[in-house]
Structure formats: structure tokens, C-alpha cells
Amino acid sequence: MLIHLSLILASKSPRRQELMSLMGLNFRVVLKEVDESYPEHLSPEEVAVYISEKKAKAFDAELGEEVVITADTIVAVGKEILGKPADEADAFRMLNLLSGKTHQVITGVSVLHRHTLYSFYDVTEVAVNTLTEEEIRYYIETCKPFDKAGAYGIQEWFGLAAIKSISGSYTNVVGLPTERLYQALKAL
């Protein structure tokens, strides 16, 4: 259906790459180093879009007919943004903060085509069961969630045992709201 598009996925995330493949999209992965800092006054939704757009704009000068897809996923507990944990202690702090609470997973997505940038975000509410210290340590030791926003992957033990419920897109929590992305690509 969308096989006529020449797509670049600007993400090293194996989860995003797998989701794009499952969508039947032909793409190649191209990476650029981008500073992921952001102004402190932005809301969590604005942060996800801001970083996604920074990643896309890094490609603007060199594009022909290709379509660049970038994304940034964050976890928010209230106004606190949880990115990727710096180390084991940071991962423990994040998971302990999420324990017994509902948080938001927000993914900003940008689609750049012919120097036109289209961006959106998706929000999924995730409720987490109360976890013991032993459960949190087990998860960190077995799954090493250091490359994941909020220090967890829904497709791992955490999603199978610790998540009580989600409201919204499952693929958004994995790292790419495929339903919304598909509609954006169709609009091209």
C-alpha cells in the first residue's frame, strides 16, 4: 500500500525498526547525532515533539524524494519527565516512582518530506501494579532496561507482570504509534 514511498527511519531503536517492518514498510535506517536537550518550560507533550523535530531537521538539507521518520518517546509522571536511565540506581528510582501509579507514555513523531515537516504526538495512560524492591531489582538485572524511556519495555517482563492496564495505543508504549504514523504516511 505504501510501498511506493522511499522511507528513512532515523532511529537506532530495534523496537521501532521491528514495528516498521511489521507494518510492511520498506525503509532504511540512517542515524545522525542530535542534541536531545530541550527548553525547561515545555510540557511533556511539547518535549516529545520538540526532540522529534530536532532529529528530523538534521536531514532537511540533504533530502530528495525520501521521507524521514523520527520519533522520541518519554514517560511522564505528572510533570516529571523520565528519559532513559543513566545507570542501575537511576533505573531503580524510576521504576520505584512508577510503582503503584498511573503514568503517561508520550511519543512525538515527525515526518519530513520535501522540506515540509509534519509532527504529532500520541499519549497512552499506563497503570502499574505496586512492585516490591525485589521485583524491581529482578527486572533491572534480567532485562537491563537502560535504553528505554522510564526504564521499562512493555514487551518484556515488566509489561507481562507489572502493568495493570493501558488506555491508548500499545505500539505507542513500545515506541512508535503505528496507527497514527500509517495515517500520516497515507496522507503523503
N, C-alpha and C. Protein backbone atom coordinates (compact mmCIF):
# COMPACT_ATOMS: atom_id res chain seq x y z
N MET A 1 0.80 -1.19 0.00
CA MET A 1 0.00 0.00 0.00
C MET A 1 0.84 1.26 0.00
N LEU A 2 1.84 1.30 0.88
CA LEU A 2 2.73 2.46 0.94
C LEU A 2 4.10 2.11 0.37
N ILE A 3 4.16 1.06 -0.45
CA ILE A 3 5.46 0.59 -0.94
C ILE A 3 6.12 1.56 -1.91
N HIS A 4 5.36 2.52 -2.42
CA HIS A 4 5.94 3.50 -3.35
C HIS A 4 6.77 4.55 -2.64
N LEU A 5 6.65 4.64 -1.33
CA LEU A 5 7.41 5.64 -0.58
C LEU A 5 8.83 5.17 -0.29
N SER A 6 9.77 6.07 -0.44
CA SER A 6 11.16 5.80 -0.08
C SER A 6 11.37 6.35 1.33
N LEU A 7 11.47 5.45 2.31
CA LEU A 7 11.45 5.85 3.71
C LEU A 7 12.81 5.71 4.38
N ILE A 8 13.11 6.67 5.24
CA ILE A 8 14.26 6.60 6.13
C ILE A 8 13.71 6.62 7.55
N LEU A 9 14.10 5.66 8.34
CA LEU A 9 13.80 5.68 9.77
C LEU A 9 15.06 6.15 10.47
N ALA A 10 14.99 7.30 11.11
CA ALA A 10 16.15 7.85 11.81
C ALA A 10 16.07 7.44 13.27
N SER A 11 16.26 6.16 13.52
CA SER A 11 16.19 5.63 14.88
C SER A 11 17.00 4.35 14.99
N LYS A 12 17.78 4.26 16.07
CA LYS A 12 18.52 3.03 16.31
C LYS A 12 17.71 2.04 17.14
N SER A 13 16.50 2.41 17.52
CA SER A 13 15.65 1.55 18.34
C SER A 13 15.26 0.29 17.58
N PRO A 14 15.65 -0.88 18.08
CA PRO A 14 15.23 -2.12 17.41
C PRO A 14 13.71 -2.31 17.48
N ARG A 15 13.08 -1.73 18.48
CA ARG A 15 11.62 -1.85 18.59
C ARG A 15 10.93 -1.04 17.49
N ARG A 16 11.40 0.17 17.24
CA ARG A 16 10.80 0.96 16.15
C ARG A 16 11.04 0.29 14.81
N GLN A 17 12.24 -0.23 14.61
CA GLN A 17 12.55 -0.92 13.36
C GLN A 17 11.64 -2.13 13.16
N GLU A 18 11.41 -2.88 14.23
CA GLU A 18 10.52 -4.06 14.15
C GLU A 18 9.09 -3.63 13.84
N LEU A 19 8.61 -2.58 14.47
CA LEU A 19 7.25 -2.12 14.21
C LEU A 19 7.09 -1.68 12.75
N MET A 20 8.07 -0.96 12.22
CA MET A 20 8.01 -0.53 10.82
C MET A 20 8.00 -1.75 9.88
N SER A 21 8.81 -2.74 10.20
CA SER A 21 8.83 -3.97 9.39
C SER A 21 7.48 -4.68 9.46
N LEU A 22 6.91 -4.77 10.66
CA LEU A 22 5.60 -5.42 10.82
C LEU A 22 4.51 -4.68 10.06
N MET A 23 4.69 -3.37 9.85
CA MET A 23 3.73 -2.59 9.07
C MET A 23 3.88 -2.85 7.57
N GLY A 24 4.91 -3.60 7.19
CA GLY A 24 5.13 -3.89 5.78
C GLY A 24 5.80 -2.76 5.03
N LEU A 25 6.45 -1.85 5.75
CA LEU A 25 7.09 -0.70 5.12
C LEU A 25 8.53 -1.03 4.74
N ASN A 26 8.93 -0.56 3.58
CA ASN A 26 10.32 -0.68 3.16
C ASN A 26 11.03 0.59 3.58
N PHE A 27 12.10 0.43 4.33
CA PHE A 27 12.81 1.59 4.84
C PHE A 27 14.27 1.23 5.05
N ARG A 28 15.05 2.27 5.17
CA ARG A 28 16.44 2.07 5.58
C ARG A 28 16.67 2.93 6.81
N VAL A 29 17.60 2.51 7.63
CA VAL A 29 17.92 3.22 8.86
C VAL A 29 19.12 4.12 8.61
N VAL A 30 18.98 5.39 8.91
CA VAL A 30 20.07 6.35 8.81
C VAL A 30 20.09 7.12 10.13
N LEU A 31 21.25 7.19 10.74
CA LEU A 31 21.36 7.84 12.05
C LEU A 31 22.18 9.12 11.96
N LYS A 32 21.78 10.11 12.74
CA LYS A 32 22.54 11.34 12.90
C LYS A 32 22.57 11.66 14.39
N GLU A 33 23.69 12.16 14.85
CA GLU A 33 23.78 12.59 16.25
C GLU A 33 23.04 13.92 16.40
N VAL A 34 22.15 13.96 17.37
CA VAL A 34 21.36 15.17 17.62
C VAL A 34 21.35 15.44 19.12
N ASP A 35 21.56 16.68 19.47
CA ASP A 35 21.46 17.09 20.87
C ASP A 35 19.99 17.00 21.29
N GLU A 36 19.71 16.20 22.32
CA GLU A 36 18.32 15.99 22.74
C GLU A 36 17.91 16.86 23.92
N SER A 37 18.62 17.95 24.15
CA SER A 37 18.21 18.87 25.21
C SER A 37 16.99 19.65 24.73
N TYR A 38 16.28 20.25 25.69
CA TYR A 38 15.06 20.97 25.36
C TYR A 38 14.84 22.07 26.40
N PRO A 39 14.08 23.11 26.04
CA PRO A 39 13.78 24.18 26.99
C PRO A 39 12.96 23.63 28.17
N GLU A 40 13.29 24.06 29.35
CA GLU A 40 12.66 23.54 30.57
C GLU A 40 11.17 23.87 30.69
N HIS A 41 10.70 24.92 30.03
CA HIS A 41 9.31 25.34 30.19
C HIS A 41 8.31 24.49 29.39
N LEU A 42 8.79 23.59 28.55
CA LEU A 42 7.89 22.81 27.71
C LEU A 42 7.14 21.74 28.50
N SER A 43 5.91 21.46 28.08
CA SER A 43 5.13 20.37 28.66
C SER A 43 5.72 19.04 28.16
N PRO A 44 5.41 17.92 28.80
CA PRO A 44 5.91 16.63 28.30
C PRO A 44 5.55 16.37 26.83
N GLU A 45 4.34 16.71 26.42
CA GLU A 45 3.95 16.51 25.03
C GLU A 45 4.81 17.37 24.10
N GLU A 46 5.04 18.62 24.50
CA GLU A 46 5.87 19.52 23.69
C GLU A 46 7.31 19.04 23.62
N VAL A 47 7.82 18.46 24.70
CA VAL A 47 9.19 17.95 24.71
C VAL A 47 9.34 16.83 23.69
N ALA A 48 8.40 15.88 23.68
CA ALA A 48 8.50 14.75 22.75
C ALA A 48 8.50 15.23 21.30
N VAL A 49 7.65 16.19 20.98
CA VAL A 49 7.59 16.72 19.61
C VAL A 49 8.84 17.56 19.31
N TYR A 50 9.27 18.36 20.25
CA TYR A 50 10.45 19.21 20.06
C TYR A 50 11.67 18.38 19.69
N ILE A 51 11.91 17.30 20.44
CA ILE A 51 13.09 16.46 20.17
C ILE A 51 12.92 15.71 18.86
N SER A 52 11.72 15.22 18.59
CA SER A 52 11.46 14.53 17.33
C SER A 52 11.73 15.46 16.15
N GLU A 53 11.29 16.71 16.26
CA GLU A 53 11.52 17.67 15.18
C GLU A 53 13.00 18.01 15.02
N LYS A 54 13.73 18.11 16.12
CA LYS A 54 15.18 18.35 16.03
C LYS A 54 15.85 17.23 15.24
N LYS A 55 15.44 16.01 15.51
CA LYS A 55 16.01 14.85 14.80
C LYS A 55 15.69 14.91 13.32
N ALA A 56 14.47 15.29 12.96
CA ALA A 56 14.07 15.36 11.55
C ALA A 56 14.79 16.49 10.82
N LYS A 57 14.89 17.65 11.47
CA LYS A 57 15.52 18.82 10.83
C LYS A 57 16.98 18.57 10.49
N ALA A 58 17.61 17.63 11.17
CA ALA A 58 19.00 17.29 10.86
C ALA A 58 19.14 16.72 9.44
N PHE A 59 18.05 16.30 8.83
CA PHE A 59 18.06 15.70 7.49
C PHE A 59 17.60 16.66 6.41
N ASP A 60 17.05 17.80 6.78
CA ASP A 60 16.35 18.66 5.83
C ASP A 60 17.19 19.09 4.64
N ALA A 61 18.45 19.39 4.83
CA ALA A 61 19.27 19.94 3.75
C ALA A 61 19.63 18.91 2.68
N GLU A 62 19.52 17.63 2.99
CA GLU A 62 20.02 16.62 2.05
C GLU A 62 18.97 15.70 1.47
N LEU A 63 17.73 16.02 1.62
CA LEU A 63 16.67 15.13 1.16
C LEU A 63 16.26 15.41 -0.27
N GLY A 64 15.95 14.33 -0.97
CA GLY A 64 15.31 14.44 -2.28
C GLY A 64 13.86 14.07 -2.11
N GLU A 65 13.48 12.92 -2.65
CA GLU A 65 12.11 12.44 -2.54
C GLU A 65 11.89 11.54 -1.33
N GLU A 66 12.94 11.31 -0.58
CA GLU A 66 12.81 10.42 0.56
C GLU A 66 11.99 11.06 1.68
N VAL A 67 11.37 10.20 2.47
CA VAL A 67 10.57 10.62 3.61
C VAL A 67 11.32 10.17 4.86
N VAL A 68 11.59 11.10 5.76
CA VAL A 68 12.29 10.79 7.00
C VAL A 68 11.27 10.70 8.14
N ILE A 69 11.40 9.65 8.92
CA ILE A 69 10.54 9.45 10.08
C ILE A 69 11.44 9.46 11.31
N THR A 70 11.10 10.34 12.27
CA THR A 70 11.82 10.39 13.54
C THR A 70 10.81 10.30 14.67
N ALA A 71 11.29 9.87 15.82
CA ALA A 71 10.39 9.76 16.98
C ALA A 71 11.19 9.95 18.26
N ASP A 72 10.48 10.37 19.30
CA ASP A 72 11.06 10.44 20.62
C ASP A 72 9.99 10.06 21.63
N THR A 73 10.32 9.10 22.49
CA THR A 73 9.36 8.61 23.49
C THR A 73 9.84 9.01 24.87
N ILE A 74 8.92 9.55 25.66
CA ILE A 74 9.22 9.88 27.05
C ILE A 74 8.13 9.30 27.94
N VAL A 75 8.46 9.15 29.18
CA VAL A 75 7.50 8.73 30.20
C VAL A 75 7.33 9.91 31.14
N ALA A 76 6.08 10.22 31.47
CA ALA A 76 5.81 11.36 32.35
C ALA A 76 4.96 10.91 33.53
N VAL A 77 5.42 11.29 34.71
CA VAL A 77 4.64 11.09 35.93
C VAL A 77 4.31 12.50 36.40
N GLY A 78 3.08 12.92 36.16
CA GLY A 78 2.75 14.32 36.39
C GLY A 78 3.56 15.17 35.43
N LYS A 79 4.30 16.13 35.96
CA LYS A 79 5.14 16.99 35.11
C LYS A 79 6.57 16.49 35.02
N GLU A 80 6.91 15.44 35.80
CA GLU A 80 8.28 14.91 35.76
C GLU A 80 8.47 14.01 34.55
N ILE A 81 9.50 14.31 33.78
CA ILE A 81 9.81 13.54 32.58
C ILE A 81 10.90 12.53 32.90
N LEU A 82 10.63 11.27 32.54
CA LEU A 82 11.62 10.21 32.72
C LEU A 82 12.13 9.80 31.35
N GLY A 83 13.39 10.04 31.12
CA GLY A 83 14.01 9.59 29.88
C GLY A 83 14.62 8.22 30.09
N LYS A 84 15.73 7.98 29.45
CA LYS A 84 16.45 6.72 29.64
C LYS A 84 17.27 6.82 30.93
N PRO A 85 17.31 5.75 31.71
CA PRO A 85 18.07 5.81 32.96
C PRO A 85 19.56 5.88 32.71
N ALA A 86 20.24 6.63 33.56
CA ALA A 86 21.70 6.79 33.43
C ALA A 86 22.44 5.54 33.88
N ASP A 87 21.88 4.85 34.87
CA ASP A 87 22.54 3.67 35.44
C ASP A 87 21.52 2.85 36.21
N GLU A 88 21.99 1.81 36.90
CA GLU A 88 21.10 0.92 37.64
C GLU A 88 20.33 1.66 38.75
N ALA A 89 21.01 2.54 39.46
CA ALA A 89 20.36 3.29 40.53
C ALA A 89 19.25 4.19 39.98
N ASP A 90 19.50 4.81 38.84
CA ASP A 90 18.50 5.67 38.21
C ASP A 90 17.32 4.84 37.72
N ALA A 91 17.58 3.67 37.16
CA ALA A 91 16.51 2.77 36.72
C ALA A 91 15.65 2.36 37.92
N PHE A 92 16.30 2.04 39.03
CA PHE A 92 15.55 1.66 40.24
C PHE A 92 14.68 2.82 40.70
N ARG A 93 15.23 4.03 40.72
CA ARG A 93 14.47 5.22 41.13
C ARG A 93 13.24 5.40 40.25
N MET A 94 13.42 5.27 38.94
CA MET A 94 12.30 5.46 38.01
C MET A 94 11.22 4.41 38.22
N LEU A 95 11.62 3.14 38.29
CA LEU A 95 10.64 2.06 38.44
C LEU A 95 9.93 2.15 39.78
N ASN A 96 10.64 2.55 40.80
CA ASN A 96 10.03 2.74 42.11
C ASN A 96 9.01 3.88 42.07
N LEU A 97 9.32 4.93 41.31
CA LEU A 97 8.40 6.06 41.14
C LEU A 97 7.13 5.62 40.39
N LEU A 98 7.28 4.73 39.41
CA LEU A 98 6.13 4.27 38.62
C LEU A 98 5.27 3.26 39.37
N SER A 99 5.86 2.57 40.33
CA SER A 99 5.17 1.51 41.08
C SER A 99 3.89 2.02 41.75
N GLY A 100 2.78 1.33 41.46
CA GLY A 100 1.51 1.67 42.08
C GLY A 100 0.83 2.91 41.54
N LYS A 101 1.33 3.47 40.45
CA LYS A 101 0.79 4.71 39.90
C LYS A 101 0.40 4.55 38.43
N THR A 102 -0.29 5.55 37.94
CA THR A 102 -0.58 5.66 36.51
C THR A 102 0.31 6.76 35.94
N HIS A 103 0.92 6.47 34.81
CA HIS A 103 1.77 7.47 34.16
C HIS A 103 1.39 7.55 32.68
N GLN A 104 2.01 8.48 31.99
CA GLN A 104 1.76 8.66 30.56
C GLN A 104 3.03 8.32 29.78
N VAL A 105 2.82 7.62 28.68
CA VAL A 105 3.89 7.41 27.70
C VAL A 105 3.53 8.30 26.51
N ILE A 106 4.46 9.18 26.16
CA ILE A 106 4.22 10.16 25.11
C ILE A 106 5.28 9.97 24.04
N THR A 107 4.84 9.78 22.81
CA THR A 107 5.77 9.69 21.69
C THR A 107 5.48 10.81 20.72
N GLY A 108 6.50 11.60 20.45
CA GLY A 108 6.43 12.62 19.41
C GLY A 108 6.96 12.00 18.13
N VAL A 109 6.29 12.22 17.03
CA VAL A 109 6.70 11.67 15.73
C VAL A 109 6.75 12.81 14.73
N SER A 110 7.80 12.81 13.91
CA SER A 110 7.91 13.80 12.84
C SER A 110 8.12 13.08 11.52
N VAL A 111 7.45 13.57 10.50
CA VAL A 111 7.57 13.05 9.14
C VAL A 111 8.01 14.23 8.28
N LEU A 112 9.19 14.10 7.70
CA LEU A 112 9.75 15.17 6.87
C LEU A 112 9.76 14.71 5.42
N HIS A 113 9.12 15.51 4.54
CA HIS A 113 9.06 15.17 3.12
C HIS A 113 9.04 16.46 2.31
N ARG A 114 9.97 16.56 1.39
CA ARG A 114 10.07 17.75 0.52
C ARG A 114 10.12 19.04 1.33
N HIS A 115 10.94 19.02 2.37
CA HIS A 115 11.17 20.18 3.24
C HIS A 115 9.92 20.62 4.02
N THR A 116 8.93 19.75 4.06
CA THR A 116 7.73 20.02 4.86
C THR A 116 7.74 19.06 6.03
N LEU A 117 7.56 19.61 7.21
CA LEU A 117 7.61 18.82 8.44
C LEU A 117 6.21 18.71 9.03
N TYR A 118 5.78 17.47 9.22
CA TYR A 118 4.51 17.20 9.88
C TYR A 118 4.81 16.46 11.18
N SER A 119 4.32 16.97 12.30
CA SER A 119 4.59 16.34 13.59
C SER A 119 3.30 16.14 14.38
N PHE A 120 3.32 15.11 15.21
CA PHE A 120 2.19 14.84 16.10
C PHE A 120 2.73 14.10 17.31
N TYR A 121 1.87 13.94 18.31
CA TYR A 121 2.24 13.13 19.46
C TYR A 121 1.07 12.23 19.82
N ASP A 122 1.37 11.16 20.52
CA ASP A 122 0.36 10.25 21.00
C ASP A 122 0.62 10.01 22.48
N VAL A 123 -0.45 9.87 23.26
CA VAL A 123 -0.34 9.66 24.70
C VAL A 123 -1.08 8.38 25.08
N THR A 124 -0.43 7.54 25.85
CA THR A 124 -1.05 6.33 26.38
C THR A 124 -0.93 6.37 27.90
N GLU A 125 -2.03 6.12 28.58
CA GLU A 125 -2.03 6.03 30.04
C GLU A 125 -1.68 4.60 30.44
N VAL A 126 -0.73 4.46 31.35
CA VAL A 126 -0.27 3.14 31.78
C VAL A 126 -0.37 3.05 33.30
N ALA A 127 -1.12 2.07 33.79
CA ALA A 127 -1.25 1.84 35.23
C ALA A 127 -0.34 0.67 35.62
N VAL A 128 0.45 0.89 36.67
CA VAL A 128 1.43 -0.11 37.12
C VAL A 128 1.02 -0.64 38.48
N ASN A 129 1.11 -1.95 38.63
CA ASN A 129 0.88 -2.57 39.94
C ASN A 129 1.96 -2.10 40.91
N THR A 130 1.68 -2.24 42.20
CA THR A 130 2.69 -1.94 43.21
C THR A 130 3.75 -3.04 43.17
N LEU A 131 5.00 -2.64 43.07
CA LEU A 131 6.11 -3.58 42.93
C LEU A 131 6.96 -3.62 44.20
N THR A 132 7.49 -4.78 44.50
CA THR A 132 8.42 -4.88 45.62
C THR A 132 9.81 -4.49 45.13
N GLU A 133 10.68 -4.19 46.07
CA GLU A 133 12.08 -3.89 45.73
C GLU A 133 12.70 -5.07 45.00
N GLU A 134 12.37 -6.28 45.44
CA GLU A 134 12.91 -7.49 44.82
C GLU A 134 12.46 -7.61 43.36
N GLU A 135 11.20 -7.29 43.08
CA GLU A 135 10.70 -7.36 41.70
C GLU A 135 11.39 -6.34 40.82
N ILE A 136 11.58 -5.14 41.34
CA ILE A 136 12.25 -4.10 40.56
C ILE A 136 13.69 -4.51 40.26
N ARG A 137 14.40 -5.00 41.26
CA ARG A 137 15.79 -5.44 41.05
C ARG A 137 15.86 -6.60 40.07
N TYR A 138 14.92 -7.54 40.18
CA TYR A 138 14.88 -8.68 39.24
C TYR A 138 14.75 -8.17 37.81
N TYR A 139 13.82 -7.25 37.60
CA TYR A 139 13.61 -6.73 36.25
C TYR A 139 14.85 -6.04 35.71
N ILE A 140 15.46 -5.20 36.53
CA ILE A 140 16.66 -4.48 36.08
C ILE A 140 17.78 -5.45 35.75
N GLU A 141 17.98 -6.45 36.60
CA GLU A 141 19.07 -7.42 36.38
C GLU A 141 18.84 -8.30 35.17
N THR A 142 17.59 -8.72 34.93
CA THR A 142 17.34 -9.64 33.82
C THR A 142 17.13 -8.95 32.48
N CYS A 143 16.55 -7.76 32.48
CA CYS A 143 16.20 -7.11 31.20
C CYS A 143 17.07 -5.91 30.84
N LYS A 144 17.86 -5.40 31.78
CA LYS A 144 18.78 -4.30 31.50
C LYS A 144 18.10 -3.17 30.70
N PRO A 145 17.10 -2.52 31.30
CA PRO A 145 16.29 -1.54 30.55
C PRO A 145 16.91 -0.15 30.44
N PHE A 146 18.19 -0.07 30.16
CA PHE A 146 18.89 1.21 30.17
C PHE A 146 18.71 2.02 28.88
N ASP A 147 18.14 1.38 27.85
CA ASP A 147 17.93 2.10 26.58
C ASP A 147 16.45 2.44 26.38
N LYS A 148 15.68 2.43 27.48
CA LYS A 148 14.25 2.63 27.37
C LYS A 148 13.78 3.79 28.26
N ALA A 149 12.94 4.64 27.71
CA ALA A 149 12.36 5.73 28.50
C ALA A 149 11.59 5.14 29.67
N GLY A 150 11.78 5.72 30.84
CA GLY A 150 11.09 5.24 32.03
C GLY A 150 11.64 3.95 32.58
N ALA A 151 12.71 3.45 31.99
CA ALA A 151 13.41 2.24 32.44
C ALA A 151 12.60 0.96 32.30
N TYR A 152 11.68 0.92 31.32
CA TYR A 152 10.98 -0.35 31.10
C TYR A 152 10.54 -0.50 29.66
N GLY A 153 10.37 -1.76 29.27
CA GLY A 153 9.80 -2.11 27.97
C GLY A 153 8.53 -2.90 28.20
N ILE A 154 7.44 -2.47 27.59
CA ILE A 154 6.16 -3.14 27.78
C ILE A 154 6.17 -4.55 27.20
N GLN A 155 7.07 -4.82 26.26
CA GLN A 155 7.13 -6.13 25.61
C GLN A 155 7.97 -7.12 26.42
N GLU A 156 8.49 -6.70 27.57
CA GLU A 156 9.32 -7.56 28.42
C GLU A 156 8.56 -7.96 29.69
N TRP A 157 9.28 -8.53 30.65
CA TRP A 157 8.69 -8.96 31.92
C TRP A 157 7.82 -7.88 32.53
N PHE A 158 8.29 -6.65 32.47
CA PHE A 158 7.55 -5.53 33.09
C PHE A 158 6.13 -5.45 32.53
N GLY A 159 6.00 -5.52 31.22
CA GLY A 159 4.69 -5.45 30.60
C GLY A 159 3.84 -6.67 30.88
N LEU A 160 4.48 -7.82 31.00
CA LEU A 160 3.75 -9.06 31.25
C LEU A 160 3.30 -9.20 32.69
N ALA A 161 4.05 -8.66 33.64
CA ALA A 161 3.78 -8.90 35.05
C ALA A 161 3.45 -7.65 35.85
N ALA A 162 3.96 -6.51 35.47
CA ALA A 162 3.83 -5.33 36.31
C ALA A 162 2.75 -4.34 35.86
N ILE A 163 2.42 -4.35 34.59
CA ILE A 163 1.44 -3.38 34.10
C ILE A 163 0.03 -3.90 34.32
N LYS A 164 -0.76 -3.09 35.01
CA LYS A 164 -2.15 -3.44 35.33
C LYS A 164 -3.05 -3.21 34.12
N SER A 165 -2.88 -2.05 33.47
CA SER A 165 -3.73 -1.73 32.32
C SER A 165 -3.10 -0.60 31.51
N ILE A 166 -3.55 -0.52 30.25
CA ILE A 166 -3.17 0.64 29.43
C ILE A 166 -4.43 1.18 28.78
N SER A 167 -4.42 2.47 28.55
CA SER A 167 -5.52 3.12 27.85
C SER A 167 -4.89 3.93 26.72
N GLY A 168 -5.08 3.44 25.51
CA GLY A 168 -4.47 4.09 24.35
C GLY A 168 -3.70 3.07 23.53
N SER A 169 -2.81 3.56 22.73
CA SER A 169 -2.06 2.75 21.78
C SER A 169 -0.96 1.92 22.45
N TYR A 170 -1.02 0.61 22.25
CA TYR A 170 0.04 -0.27 22.74
C TYR A 170 1.36 0.04 22.02
N THR A 171 1.30 0.23 20.69
CA THR A 171 2.55 0.46 19.95
C THR A 171 3.20 1.78 20.34
N ASN A 172 2.40 2.73 20.81
CA ASN A 172 2.97 3.97 21.34
C ASN A 172 3.88 3.67 22.52
N VAL A 173 3.45 2.77 23.40
CA VAL A 173 4.25 2.42 24.57
C VAL A 173 5.52 1.68 24.14
N VAL A 174 5.44 0.90 23.07
CA VAL A 174 6.62 0.22 22.54
C VAL A 174 7.60 1.26 21.97
N GLY A 175 7.08 2.38 21.44
CA GLY A 175 7.96 3.44 20.98
C GLY A 175 7.58 4.10 19.67
N LEU A 176 6.47 3.66 19.04
CA LEU A 176 6.07 4.27 17.78
C LEU A 176 4.57 4.03 17.57
N PRO A 177 3.75 5.09 17.64
CA PRO A 177 2.31 4.91 17.45
C PRO A 177 1.99 4.62 15.99
N THR A 178 2.03 3.35 15.63
CA THR A 178 1.95 2.93 14.24
C THR A 178 0.62 3.32 13.58
N GLU A 179 -0.44 3.32 14.35
CA GLU A 179 -1.76 3.67 13.79
C GLU A 179 -1.74 5.09 13.24
N ARG A 180 -1.21 6.00 14.04
CA ARG A 180 -1.14 7.42 13.63
C ARG A 180 -0.10 7.61 12.51
N LEU A 181 1.03 6.91 12.62
CA LEU A 181 2.06 7.03 11.58
C LEU A 181 1.52 6.56 10.23
N TYR A 182 0.80 5.46 10.21
CA TYR A 182 0.25 4.94 8.96
C TYR A 182 -0.65 5.97 8.30
N GLN A 183 -1.49 6.61 9.09
CA GLN A 183 -2.39 7.64 8.54
C GLN A 183 -1.60 8.84 8.01
N ALA A 184 -0.54 9.21 8.71
CA ALA A 184 0.30 10.33 8.25
C ALA A 184 0.98 10.01 6.93
N LEU A 185 1.46 8.78 6.80
CA LEU A 185 2.13 8.37 5.55
C LEU A 185 1.13 8.26 4.40
N LYS A 186 -0.06 7.80 4.69
CA LYS A 186 -1.10 7.73 3.66
C LYS A 186 -1.43 9.11 3.12
N ALA A 187 -1.37 10.11 3.98
CA ALA A 187 -1.71 11.48 3.58
C ALA A 187 -0.68 12.06 2.61
N LEU A 188 0.52 11.47 2.55
CA LEU A 188 1.54 11.95 1.61
C LEU A 188 1.13 11.63 0.19
